[in-house]
PDB file of N, CA and C in Angstrom:
ATOM      1  N   UNK A   1     192.325  81.543 106.673  1.00  0.00           N
ATOM      2  CA  UNK A   1     191.727  80.560 105.796  1.00  0.00           C
ATOM      3  C   UNK A   1     190.344  80.199 106.339  1.00  0.00           C
ATOM      4  N   UNK A   2     189.426  80.039 105.441  1.00  0.00           N
ATOM      5  CA  UNK A   2     188.059  79.629 105.779  1.00  0.00           C
ATOM      6  C   UNK A   2     187.847  78.222 105.235  1.00  0.00           C
ATOM      7  N   UNK A   3     187.306  77.343 106.061  1.00  0.00           N
ATOM      8  CA  UNK A   3     186.986  75.985 105.631  1.00  0.00           C
ATOM      9  C   UNK A   3     185.502  75.896 105.315  1.00  0.00           C
ATOM     10  N   UNK A   4     185.200  75.317 104.174  1.00  0.00           N
ATOM     11  CA  UNK A   4     183.816  75.100 103.753  1.00  0.00           C
ATOM     12  C   UNK A   4     183.618  73.594 103.654  1.00  0.00           C
ATOM     13  N   UNK A   5     182.582  73.095 104.308  1.00  0.00           N
ATOM     14  CA  UNK A   5     182.243  71.676 104.218  1.00  0.00           C
ATOM     15  C   UNK A   5     181.003  71.563 103.349  1.00  0.00           C
ATOM     16  N   UNK A   6     181.147  70.856 102.240  1.00  0.00           N
ATOM     17  CA  UNK A   6     180.046  70.672 101.300  1.00  0.00           C
ATOM     18  C   UNK A   6     179.544  69.241 101.441  1.00  0.00           C
ATOM     19  N   UNK A   7     178.287  69.099 101.819  1.00  0.00           N
ATOM     20  CA  UNK A   7     177.678  67.779 101.998  1.00  0.00           C
ATOM     21  C   UNK A   7     176.692  67.557 100.862  1.00  0.00           C
ATOM     22  N   UNK A   8     176.799  66.404 100.220  1.00  0.00           N
ATOM     23  CA  UNK A   8     175.923  66.107  99.094  1.00  0.00           C
ATOM     24  C   UNK A   8     175.519  64.634  99.128  1.00  0.00           C
ATOM     25  N   UNK A   9     174.455  64.328  98.430  1.00  0.00           N
ATOM     26  CA  UNK A   9     174.008  62.941  98.308  1.00  0.00           C
ATOM     27  C   UNK A   9     173.515  62.737  96.879  1.00  0.00           C
ATOM     28  N   UNK A  10     174.366  62.141  96.052  1.00  0.00           N
ATOM     29  CA  UNK A  10     174.017  61.846  94.657  1.00  0.00           C
ATOM     30  C   UNK A  10     173.491  63.072  93.911  1.00  0.00           C
ATOM     31  N   UNK A  11     174.182  64.184  94.041  1.00  0.00           N
ATOM     32  CA  UNK A  11     173.721  65.420  93.410  1.00  0.00           C
ATOM     33  C   UNK A  11     174.887  66.067  92.666  1.00  0.00           C
ATOM     34  N   UNK A  12     175.321  65.425  91.591  1.00  0.00           N
ATOM     35  CA  UNK A  12     176.507  65.848  90.859  1.00  0.00           C
ATOM     36  C   UNK A  12     176.390  67.264  90.313  1.00  0.00           C
ATOM     37  N   UNK A  13     175.256  67.606  89.735  1.00  0.00           N
ATOM     38  CA  UNK A  13     175.117  68.921  89.093  1.00  0.00           C
ATOM     39  C   UNK A  13     175.284  70.068  90.085  1.00  0.00           C
ATOM     40  N   UNK A  14     174.627  69.986  91.225  1.00  0.00           N
ATOM     41  CA  UNK A  14     174.760  71.051  92.224  1.00  0.00           C
ATOM     42  C   UNK A  14     176.152  71.058  92.847  1.00  0.00           C
ATOM     43  N   UNK A  15     176.743  69.887  93.035  1.00  0.00           N
ATOM     44  CA  UNK A  15     178.106  69.825  93.562  1.00  0.00           C
ATOM     45  C   UNK A  15     179.072  70.494  92.596  1.00  0.00           C
ATOM     46  N   UNK A  16     178.940  70.211  91.328  1.00  0.00           N
ATOM     47  CA  UNK A  16     179.805  70.818  90.312  1.00  0.00           C
ATOM     48  C   UNK A  16     179.652  72.338  90.317  1.00  0.00           C
ATOM     49  N   UNK A  17     178.438  72.815  90.402  1.00  0.00           N
ATOM     50  CA  UNK A  17     178.178  74.259  90.437  1.00  0.00           C
ATOM     51  C   UNK A  17     178.785  74.894  91.696  1.00  0.00           C
ATOM     52  N   UNK A  18     178.655  74.221  92.830  1.00  0.00           N
ATOM     53  CA  UNK A  18     179.217  74.732  94.084  1.00  0.00           C
ATOM     54  C   UNK A  18     180.734  74.798  94.018  1.00  0.00           C
ATOM     55  N   UNK A  19     181.359  73.734  93.538  1.00  0.00           N
ATOM     56  CA  UNK A  19     182.823  73.711  93.452  1.00  0.00           C
ATOM     57  C   UNK A  19     183.338  74.767  92.483  1.00  0.00           C
ATOM     58  N   UNK A  20     182.643  74.969  91.376  1.00  0.00           N
ATOM     59  CA  UNK A  20     183.047  76.003  90.419  1.00  0.00           C
ATOM     60  C   UNK A  20     182.962  77.383  91.050  1.00  0.00           C
ATOM     61  N   UNK A  21     181.960  77.601  91.860  1.00  0.00           N
ATOM     62  CA  UNK A  21     181.803  78.885  92.535  1.00  0.00           C
ATOM     63  C   UNK A  21     182.908  79.110  93.561  1.00  0.00           C
ATOM     64  N   UNK A  22     183.267  78.074  94.300  1.00  0.00           N
ATOM     65  CA  UNK A  22     184.288  78.199  95.340  1.00  0.00           C
ATOM     66  C   UNK A  22     185.689  78.386  94.766  1.00  0.00           C
ATOM     67  N   UNK A  23     185.918  77.930  93.533  1.00  0.00           N
ATOM     68  CA  UNK A  23     187.227  78.101  92.901  1.00  0.00           C
ATOM     69  C   UNK A  23     187.579  79.571  92.718  1.00  0.00           C
ATOM     70  N   UNK A  24     186.586  80.421  92.653  1.00  0.00           N
ATOM     71  CA  UNK A  24     186.793  81.850  92.410  1.00  0.00           C
ATOM     72  C   UNK A  24     187.228  82.601  93.663  1.00  0.00           C
ATOM     73  N   UNK A  25     187.132  81.962  94.829  1.00  0.00           N
ATOM     74  CA  UNK A  25     187.417  82.622  96.100  1.00  0.00           C
ATOM     75  C   UNK A  25     188.786  82.173  96.608  1.00  0.00           C
ATOM     76  N   UNK A  26     189.620  83.141  96.970  1.00  0.00           N
ATOM     77  CA  UNK A  26     190.938  82.811  97.516  1.00  0.00           C
ATOM     78  C   UNK A  26     190.835  82.532  99.016  1.00  0.00           C
ATOM     79  N   UNK A  27     191.703  81.660  99.512  1.00  0.00           N
ATOM     80  CA  UNK A  27     191.759  81.385 100.942  1.00  0.00           C
ATOM     81  C   UNK A  27     190.680  80.446 101.434  1.00  0.00           C
ATOM     82  N   UNK A  28     190.141  79.629 100.528  1.00  0.00           N
ATOM     83  CA  UNK A  28     189.077  78.689 100.892  1.00  0.00           C
ATOM     84  C   UNK A  28     189.624  77.265 100.858  1.00  0.00           C
ATOM     85  N   UNK A  29     189.340  76.526 101.909  1.00  0.00           N
ATOM     86  CA  UNK A  29     189.612  75.091 101.937  1.00  0.00           C
ATOM     87  C   UNK A  29     188.258  74.407 101.853  1.00  0.00           C
ATOM     88  N   UNK A  30     188.085  73.502 100.897  1.00  0.00           N
ATOM     89  CA  UNK A  30     186.792  72.860 100.708  1.00  0.00           C
ATOM     90  C   UNK A  30     186.914  71.368 100.994  1.00  0.00           C
ATOM     91  N   UNK A  31     186.010  70.877 101.841  1.00  0.00           N
ATOM     92  CA  UNK A  31     185.930  69.457 102.155  1.00  0.00           C
ATOM     93  C   UNK A  31     184.587  68.970 101.630  1.00  0.00           C
ATOM     94  N   UNK A  32     184.606  67.933 100.788  1.00  0.00           N
ATOM     95  CA  UNK A  32     183.374  67.399 100.207  1.00  0.00           C
ATOM     96  C   UNK A  32     183.055  66.071 100.873  1.00  0.00           C
ATOM     97  N   UNK A  33     181.811  65.945 101.329  1.00  0.00           N
ATOM     98  CA  UNK A  33     181.318  64.695 101.901  1.00  0.00           C
ATOM     99  C   UNK A  33     180.165  64.238 101.020  1.00  0.00           C
ATOM    100  N   UNK A  34     180.366  63.107 100.337  1.00  0.00           N
ATOM    101  CA  UNK A  34     179.344  62.567  99.451  1.00  0.00           C
ATOM    102  C   UNK A  34     178.739  61.344 100.127  1.00  0.00           C
ATOM    103  N   UNK A  35     177.478  61.455 100.496  1.00  0.00           N
ATOM    104  CA  UNK A  35     176.812  60.377 101.209  1.00  0.00           C
ATOM    105  C   UNK A  35     176.359  59.232 100.333  1.00  0.00           C
ATOM    106  N   UNK A  36     176.465  59.369  99.028  1.00  0.00           N
ATOM    107  CA  UNK A  36     176.044  58.306  98.125  1.00  0.00           C
ATOM    108  C   UNK A  36     177.095  58.074  97.073  1.00  0.00           C
ATOM    109  N   UNK A  37     176.765  57.226  96.113  1.00  0.00           N
ATOM    110  CA  UNK A  37     177.706  57.036  95.021  1.00  0.00           C
ATOM    111  C   UNK A  37     177.356  58.004  93.902  1.00  0.00           C
ATOM    112  N   UNK A  38     178.347  58.369  93.155  1.00  0.00           N
ATOM    113  CA  UNK A  38     178.146  59.323  92.069  1.00  0.00           C
ATOM    114  C   UNK A  38     178.743  58.700  90.818  1.00  0.00           C
ATOM    115  N   UNK A  39     177.905  58.401  89.849  1.00  0.00           N
ATOM    116  CA  UNK A  39     178.360  57.684  88.667  1.00  0.00           C
ATOM    117  C   UNK A  39     179.038  58.591  87.648  1.00  0.00           C
ATOM    118  N   UNK A  40     178.988  59.895  87.840  1.00  0.00           N
ATOM    119  CA  UNK A  40     179.624  60.802  86.875  1.00  0.00           C
ATOM    120  C   UNK A  40     181.024  61.082  87.293  1.00  0.00           C
TER     121      UNK A  40
END
């Protein structure tokens, strides 16, 4: 298993694109760290 840490700061569009891309890969654990608030 590979762990991916995704760090973002109030960037919903790029986070959504990144998560959609990672869904296609098997054996991935994704941890999201959002440094700000996200209203979406």
